[in-house]
Amino acid sequence: MNHGNYDGYKLFSGNSNPELAGEIAALLSVPLGKSTVTRFSDGEINISLQETVRGLDCYIIQSTCNPVNDNLMELLIMIDAMKRASAGRINAVIPFYGYARQDRKAKARDPLSAKLVANLLTAAGADRVLTMDLHAAQIQGFFDIPVDHLLGRPILAQYYMDKGLKDIAIVSPDHGGVVRARYMAETLKCPIAIVDKRRPAPNQSEVMNVIGTVEGKNCIILDDMIDTAGTITNAANAIKKLGASNVYVAATHGILSGPAIKRLEDSAIEEMVLLNTVTLSERKKVKKIKTLSVAPLFAEAIERIHNNASLSELFK
């Protein structure tokens, strides 16, 4: 194996998604590095690395999901600990990148929080970021360090190919997801439809029109993330009223906060397929939800990065 300039590599996990980290470690036949995360009584995070990282290629697996700020600080402090322990290279493996929705100034005096988080990760000492399905692909440009941006879409497409659905239409729940929907439609060789919506306030949406044919189709609504599930359930109910045979939902990041689970159970959605970039114990109790693993893709990416091999095959 070509280890580049490093003596080897180690995987570490934060508290956000230990199940996924364990899966990735098992696939790579590498034990997770020993570290502890404790808190002072006022909530300050304290991290202790319990094995050497000097000169090693280190990978920290941590999604910045709920509780977003705790998980982000945990990641930043672990990066800092590794930098000060003379790690050879520090790779932040962030299956779900929080604050990605705040990627532009939608109105005057808005912050660019996605850029701020990129700056924080770089300032803490990260040498590389490995992530999946950013809310907007151009967030890669917010970083001055390499970013490898994996796609969850091929995993979802393969699931539907194996399922053998006929008369499929891929539906984008808004204008922003049209490119994503088009790629999926090309893979499954089917047409697309677009839900035209407006958002009167954050986490609220209202369906206006559906562009394209959904009548008599098995519709798959494709999105990058589902938070309160208002957009997705409104879209599902609207296309069901327009004569869709069945409505399926596929998304990479299932945040499912607030009323999401109830909305899903009350909606016209037949099945929701999510990837395990975010841990959510509640989803296991919901019959409509099926979870697929991203561990094989991340394990392959980590191995290729460590061996200085091309990742381009993984983006297809």
Protein backbone atom coordinates (compact mmCIF):
# COMPACT_ATOMS: atom_id res chain seq x y z
CA MET A 1 0.00 0.00 0.00
CA ASN A 2 1.15 3.51 -0.78
CA HIS A 3 0.89 5.52 2.42
CA GLY A 4 2.20 8.77 0.95
CA ASN A 5 4.22 10.61 3.60
CA TYR A 6 2.23 9.18 6.53
CA ASP A 7 3.05 6.24 8.77
CA GLY A 8 -0.52 4.94 8.51
CA TYR A 9 -4.04 6.16 9.16
CA LYS A 10 -6.50 6.22 12.03
CA LEU A 11 -10.23 6.77 12.25
CA PHE A 12 -11.87 8.67 15.08
CA SER A 13 -15.53 9.30 15.77
CA GLY A 14 -17.36 12.14 17.44
CA ASN A 15 -20.72 11.61 19.17
CA SER A 16 -22.96 12.63 16.24
CA ASN A 17 -23.07 9.34 14.34
CA PRO A 18 -21.11 6.55 16.10
CA GLU A 19 -23.05 3.81 14.29
CA LEU A 20 -21.92 5.05 10.87
CA ALA A 21 -18.33 5.50 12.11
CA GLY A 22 -18.38 1.92 13.42
CA GLU A 23 -19.64 0.63 10.05
CA ILE A 24 -16.92 2.51 8.15
CA ALA A 25 -14.23 1.23 10.53
CA ALA A 26 -15.47 -2.37 10.16
CA LEU A 27 -15.39 -2.14 6.34
CA LEU A 28 -11.81 -0.80 6.45
CA SER A 29 -10.80 -3.38 9.12
CA VAL A 30 -9.43 -0.52 11.21
CA PRO A 31 -10.43 -0.06 14.89
CA LEU A 32 -11.83 3.34 15.86
CA GLY A 33 -9.27 5.48 17.66
CA LYS A 34 -9.67 5.87 21.41
CA SER A 35 -10.87 9.29 22.51
CA THR A 36 -13.21 10.63 25.16
CA VAL A 37 -15.58 13.58 25.05
CA THR A 38 -16.54 15.02 28.42
CA ARG A 39 -18.23 18.22 29.51
CA PHE A 40 -17.52 20.67 32.29
CA SER A 41 -20.55 21.53 34.41
CA ASP A 42 -21.19 24.70 32.36
CA GLY A 43 -21.36 22.66 29.12
CA GLU A 44 -17.83 23.28 27.81
CA ILE A 45 -16.61 20.37 25.68
CA ASN A 46 -13.37 18.66 26.65
CA ILE A 47 -11.73 16.10 24.33
CA SER A 48 -8.93 13.72 25.20
CA LEU A 49 -7.14 11.65 22.54
CA GLN A 50 -5.98 8.44 24.21
CA GLU A 51 -3.53 7.23 21.57
CA THR A 52 -0.80 8.76 19.46
CA VAL A 53 -1.59 10.47 16.15
CA ARG A 54 1.90 11.84 15.45
CA GLY A 55 2.66 11.75 11.73
CA LEU A 56 -0.54 9.84 10.95
CA ASP A 57 -3.29 10.44 8.39
CA CYS A 58 -6.30 11.02 10.71
CA TYR A 59 -10.00 10.90 9.76
CA ILE A 60 -12.61 12.35 12.15
CA ILE A 61 -16.13 11.12 11.33
CA GLN A 62 -18.68 13.66 12.58
CA SER A 63 -21.93 14.97 11.09
CA THR A 64 -22.85 18.48 12.19
CA CYS A 65 -26.48 17.52 12.81
CA ASN A 66 -28.75 18.05 15.83
CA PRO A 67 -27.51 19.26 18.30
CA VAL A 68 -25.72 21.17 15.54
CA ASN A 69 -23.61 23.54 17.62
CA ASP A 70 -22.45 20.86 20.09
CA ASN A 71 -21.44 18.53 17.26
CA LEU A 72 -19.68 21.34 15.39
CA MET A 73 -17.70 22.42 18.47
CA GLU A 74 -16.81 18.79 19.20
CA LEU A 75 -15.41 18.46 15.66
CA LEU A 76 -13.45 21.73 15.87
CA ILE A 77 -11.94 20.83 19.25
CA MET A 78 -10.98 17.33 18.07
CA ILE A 79 -9.29 18.85 15.00
CA ASP A 80 -7.38 21.25 17.28
CA ALA A 81 -6.34 18.39 19.60
CA MET A 82 -4.95 16.45 16.63
CA LYS A 83 -3.13 19.47 15.22
CA ARG A 84 -1.43 20.06 18.58
CA ALA A 85 -0.58 16.34 18.80
CA SER A 86 1.32 16.62 15.48
CA ALA A 87 -1.03 14.58 13.28
CA GLY A 88 0.35 14.25 9.74
CA ARG A 89 -2.92 15.20 8.04
CA ILE A 90 -6.36 15.90 9.50
CA ASN A 91 -9.39 14.94 7.41
CA ALA A 92 -12.82 16.09 8.57
CA VAL A 93 -15.32 13.47 7.37
CA ILE A 94 -18.67 15.30 7.57
CA PRO A 95 -21.47 13.14 6.10
CA PHE A 96 -23.97 15.95 6.80
CA TYR A 97 -22.64 19.53 6.70
CA GLY A 98 -24.78 21.71 8.97
CA TYR A 99 -25.44 25.40 8.19
CA ALA A 100 -25.29 24.56 4.45
CA ARG A 101 -28.71 26.15 3.88
CA GLN A 102 -27.24 29.55 4.77
CA ASP A 103 -25.09 29.67 1.64
CA ARG A 104 -26.13 33.03 0.17
CA LYS A 105 -27.56 36.40 1.11
CA ALA A 106 -31.26 35.96 0.37
CA LYS A 107 -32.00 39.40 1.80
CA ALA A 108 -30.11 42.37 3.19
CA ARG A 109 -27.94 41.78 6.29
CA ASP A 110 -28.12 37.97 6.09
CA PRO A 111 -25.04 36.05 7.32
CA LEU A 112 -23.19 33.52 5.16
CA SER A 113 -23.05 30.86 7.87
CA ALA A 114 -21.97 28.07 5.50
CA LYS A 115 -18.85 30.12 4.70
CA LEU A 116 -18.28 30.90 8.39
CA VAL A 117 -18.29 27.16 9.23
CA ALA A 118 -15.82 26.54 6.37
CA ASN A 119 -13.53 29.20 7.85
CA LEU A 120 -13.83 27.68 11.34
CA LEU A 121 -12.90 24.18 10.09
CA THR A 122 -9.88 25.56 8.23
CA ALA A 123 -8.77 27.74 11.16
CA ALA A 124 -9.06 24.78 13.55
CA GLY A 125 -6.55 22.90 11.40
CA ALA A 126 -8.45 20.62 9.00
CA ASP A 127 -6.40 19.76 5.90
CA ARG A 128 -9.25 18.22 3.91
CA VAL A 129 -13.03 17.81 4.06
CA LEU A 130 -14.94 14.75 2.88
CA THR A 131 -18.70 15.33 2.76
CA MET A 132 -21.87 14.28 0.96
CA ASP A 133 -24.65 16.11 -0.90
CA LEU A 134 -24.05 19.69 0.15
CA HIS A 135 -27.19 21.84 -0.06
CA ALA A 136 -25.45 23.72 -2.88
CA ALA A 137 -22.41 22.22 -4.65
CA GLN A 138 -20.69 25.61 -4.82
CA ILE A 139 -20.15 25.50 -1.02
CA GLN A 140 -17.00 23.55 -1.99
CA GLY A 141 -15.67 26.94 -3.14
CA PHE A 142 -16.07 28.38 0.38
CA PHE A 143 -13.03 26.31 1.42
CA ASP A 144 -9.36 27.00 0.71
CA ILE A 145 -8.56 23.33 1.42
CA PRO A 146 -9.50 20.29 -0.73
CA VAL A 147 -13.14 19.18 -0.51
CA ASP A 148 -14.29 15.79 -1.77
CA HIS A 149 -18.03 15.93 -2.38
CA LEU A 150 -19.62 12.48 -2.51
CA LEU A 151 -23.06 11.95 -4.04
CA GLY A 152 -25.83 9.94 -2.38
CA ARG A 153 -27.89 9.86 -5.56
CA PRO A 154 -26.31 6.66 -7.02
CA ILE A 155 -27.21 4.72 -3.83
CA LEU A 156 -30.82 5.92 -4.07
CA ALA A 157 -30.99 5.25 -7.83
CA GLN A 158 -29.71 1.70 -7.35
CA TYR A 159 -32.39 1.07 -4.72
CA TYR A 160 -35.17 2.02 -7.17
CA MET A 161 -33.56 0.06 -10.01
CA ASP A 162 -33.55 -3.04 -7.77
CA LYS A 163 -37.14 -2.32 -6.71
CA GLY A 164 -38.23 -2.61 -10.36
CA LEU A 165 -40.81 0.22 -10.37
CA LYS A 166 -42.53 0.96 -13.70
CA ASP A 167 -43.91 4.27 -15.06
CA ILE A 168 -41.62 6.39 -12.89
CA ALA A 169 -41.43 10.18 -12.77
CA ILE A 170 -38.75 11.95 -10.72
CA VAL A 171 -40.18 15.02 -9.00
CA SER A 172 -38.13 17.98 -7.79
CA PRO A 173 -39.87 19.58 -4.78
CA ASP A 174 -38.61 23.04 -5.86
CA HIS A 175 -36.66 24.82 -8.60
CA GLY A 176 -33.37 24.42 -6.70
CA GLY A 177 -33.46 20.63 -7.00
CA VAL A 178 -34.03 20.42 -10.77
CA VAL A 179 -30.41 19.52 -11.62
CA ARG A 180 -30.45 16.79 -8.95
CA ALA A 181 -33.75 15.42 -10.31
CA ARG A 182 -32.49 15.49 -13.91
CA TYR A 183 -29.42 13.38 -13.07
CA MET A 184 -31.61 10.83 -11.27
CA ALA A 185 -34.09 10.79 -14.17
CA GLU A 186 -31.27 10.15 -16.66
CA THR A 187 -30.07 7.19 -14.55
CA LEU A 188 -33.57 5.71 -14.29
CA LYS A 189 -34.46 6.75 -17.88
CA CYS A 190 -37.69 8.50 -16.95
CA PRO A 191 -39.25 12.01 -17.16
CA ILE A 192 -39.12 14.71 -14.48
CA ALA A 193 -41.72 17.04 -12.95
CA ILE A 194 -41.18 20.17 -10.85
CA VAL A 195 -43.21 21.50 -7.94
CA ASP A 196 -43.42 25.29 -8.06
CA LYS A 197 -43.61 26.52 -4.47
CA ARG A 198 -43.05 29.66 -2.47
CA ARG A 199 -41.76 29.89 1.09
CA PRO A 200 -43.59 32.56 3.15
CA ALA A 201 -41.33 31.94 6.19
CA PRO A 202 -38.43 29.60 7.15
CA ASN A 203 -39.54 25.95 7.46
CA GLN A 204 -42.88 26.77 5.77
CA SER A 205 -43.81 26.09 2.17
CA GLU A 206 -46.87 26.33 -0.01
CA VAL A 207 -47.36 24.39 -3.28
CA MET A 208 -48.36 26.58 -6.21
CA ASN A 209 -48.22 24.46 -9.41
CA VAL A 210 -46.80 21.19 -10.70
CA ILE A 211 -44.89 21.41 -13.99
CA GLY A 212 -44.85 18.11 -15.87
CA THR A 213 -46.96 14.94 -15.92
CA VAL A 214 -47.54 12.99 -12.71
CA GLU A 215 -50.90 11.35 -13.48
CA GLY A 216 -50.68 7.55 -13.46
CA LYS A 217 -46.98 7.67 -12.51
CA ASN A 218 -45.00 6.19 -9.64
CA CYS A 219 -43.56 9.51 -8.48
CA ILE A 220 -40.24 9.70 -6.62
CA ILE A 221 -39.72 13.09 -4.95
CA LEU A 222 -35.97 13.65 -4.66
CA ASP A 223 -34.37 16.07 -2.19
CA ASP A 224 -31.01 16.59 -0.49
CA MET A 225 -32.41 17.00 3.02
CA ILE A 226 -35.72 16.72 4.84
CA ASP A 227 -36.02 18.83 7.97
CA THR A 228 -39.58 19.57 9.16
CA ALA A 229 -40.97 17.71 6.10
CA GLY A 230 -43.43 20.52 5.25
CA THR A 231 -42.15 20.97 1.68
CA ILE A 232 -42.02 17.26 0.95
CA THR A 233 -45.44 16.35 2.41
CA ASN A 234 -47.13 19.33 0.69
CA ALA A 235 -45.57 18.25 -2.60
CA ALA A 236 -46.57 14.60 -2.05
CA ASN A 237 -50.18 15.47 -1.25
CA ALA A 238 -50.39 17.81 -4.26
CA ILE A 239 -49.12 15.28 -6.79
CA LYS A 240 -51.29 12.52 -5.30
CA LYS A 241 -54.34 14.80 -5.87
CA LEU A 242 -53.18 15.22 -9.48
CA GLY A 243 -53.49 11.47 -10.01
CA ALA A 244 -50.07 10.01 -9.16
CA SER A 245 -50.31 6.22 -8.64
CA ASN A 246 -47.89 6.16 -5.69
CA VAL A 247 -45.65 8.76 -4.11
CA TYR A 248 -42.19 7.82 -2.88
CA VAL A 249 -39.60 10.12 -1.33
CA ALA A 250 -35.82 9.76 -1.55
CA ALA A 251 -33.38 12.02 0.30
CA THR A 252 -29.81 11.93 1.56
CA HIS A 253 -30.14 13.68 4.92
CA GLY A 254 -33.15 12.83 7.09
CA ILE A 255 -33.02 15.49 9.80
CA LEU A 256 -36.74 15.06 10.58
CA SER A 257 -37.08 17.71 13.28
CA GLY A 258 -40.19 19.14 14.94
CA PRO A 259 -43.45 17.88 13.35
CA ALA A 260 -41.68 15.90 10.58
CA ILE A 261 -42.57 12.36 11.73
CA LYS A 262 -46.26 13.18 12.25
CA ARG A 263 -46.45 14.99 8.89
CA LEU A 264 -44.89 11.98 7.20
CA GLU A 265 -47.30 9.51 8.81
CA ASP A 266 -50.32 11.69 7.87
CA SER A 267 -49.20 12.27 4.27
CA ALA A 268 -49.77 10.53 0.93
CA ILE A 269 -46.16 9.27 0.97
CA GLU A 270 -45.96 5.50 0.44
CA GLU A 271 -42.30 5.13 1.47
CA MET A 272 -39.41 7.43 2.36
CA VAL A 273 -35.86 6.24 1.66
CA LEU A 274 -33.10 8.03 3.58
CA LEU A 275 -29.35 7.58 3.88
CA ASN A 276 -27.73 7.24 7.32
CA THR A 277 -25.67 10.46 7.24
CA VAL A 278 -27.73 11.55 10.27
CA THR A 279 -28.59 9.29 13.21
CA LEU A 280 -32.21 9.36 14.30
CA SER A 281 -33.56 6.66 16.60
CA GLU A 282 -37.18 7.71 15.96
CA ARG A 283 -37.00 6.80 12.26
CA LYS A 284 -36.62 3.10 13.17
CA LYS A 285 -40.15 3.14 14.60
CA VAL A 286 -41.74 4.60 11.45
CA LYS A 287 -42.88 1.94 8.98
CA LYS A 288 -42.78 4.34 6.03
CA ILE A 289 -39.04 5.02 6.48
CA LYS A 290 -36.29 2.83 5.01
CA THR A 291 -32.64 3.63 5.68
CA LEU A 292 -29.72 2.78 3.36
CA SER A 293 -26.07 2.98 4.43
CA VAL A 294 -23.42 5.33 3.05
CA ALA A 295 -20.64 3.46 4.92
CA PRO A 296 -19.33 1.52 1.85
CA LEU A 297 -18.99 4.75 -0.15
CA PHE A 298 -17.22 6.66 2.66
CA ALA A 299 -14.94 3.68 3.40
CA GLU A 300 -13.92 3.49 -0.26
CA ALA A 301 -13.32 7.25 -0.37
CA ILE A 302 -11.16 7.20 2.78
CA GLU A 303 -9.06 4.35 1.41
CA ARG A 304 -8.57 6.14 -1.92
CA ILE A 305 -7.68 9.46 -0.26
CA HIS A 306 -5.14 7.74 1.99
CA ASN A 307 -3.55 5.91 -0.97
CA ASN A 308 -3.53 9.02 -3.19
CA ALA A 309 -5.85 7.25 -5.64
CA SER A 310 -8.47 8.94 -7.83
CA LEU A 311 -11.95 9.51 -6.40
CA SER A 312 -13.58 10.33 -9.74
CA GLU A 313 -15.08 6.83 -10.07
CA LEU A 314 -17.07 7.44 -6.88
CA PHE A 315 -18.82 10.49 -8.33
CA LYS A 316 -20.50 8.52 -11.15
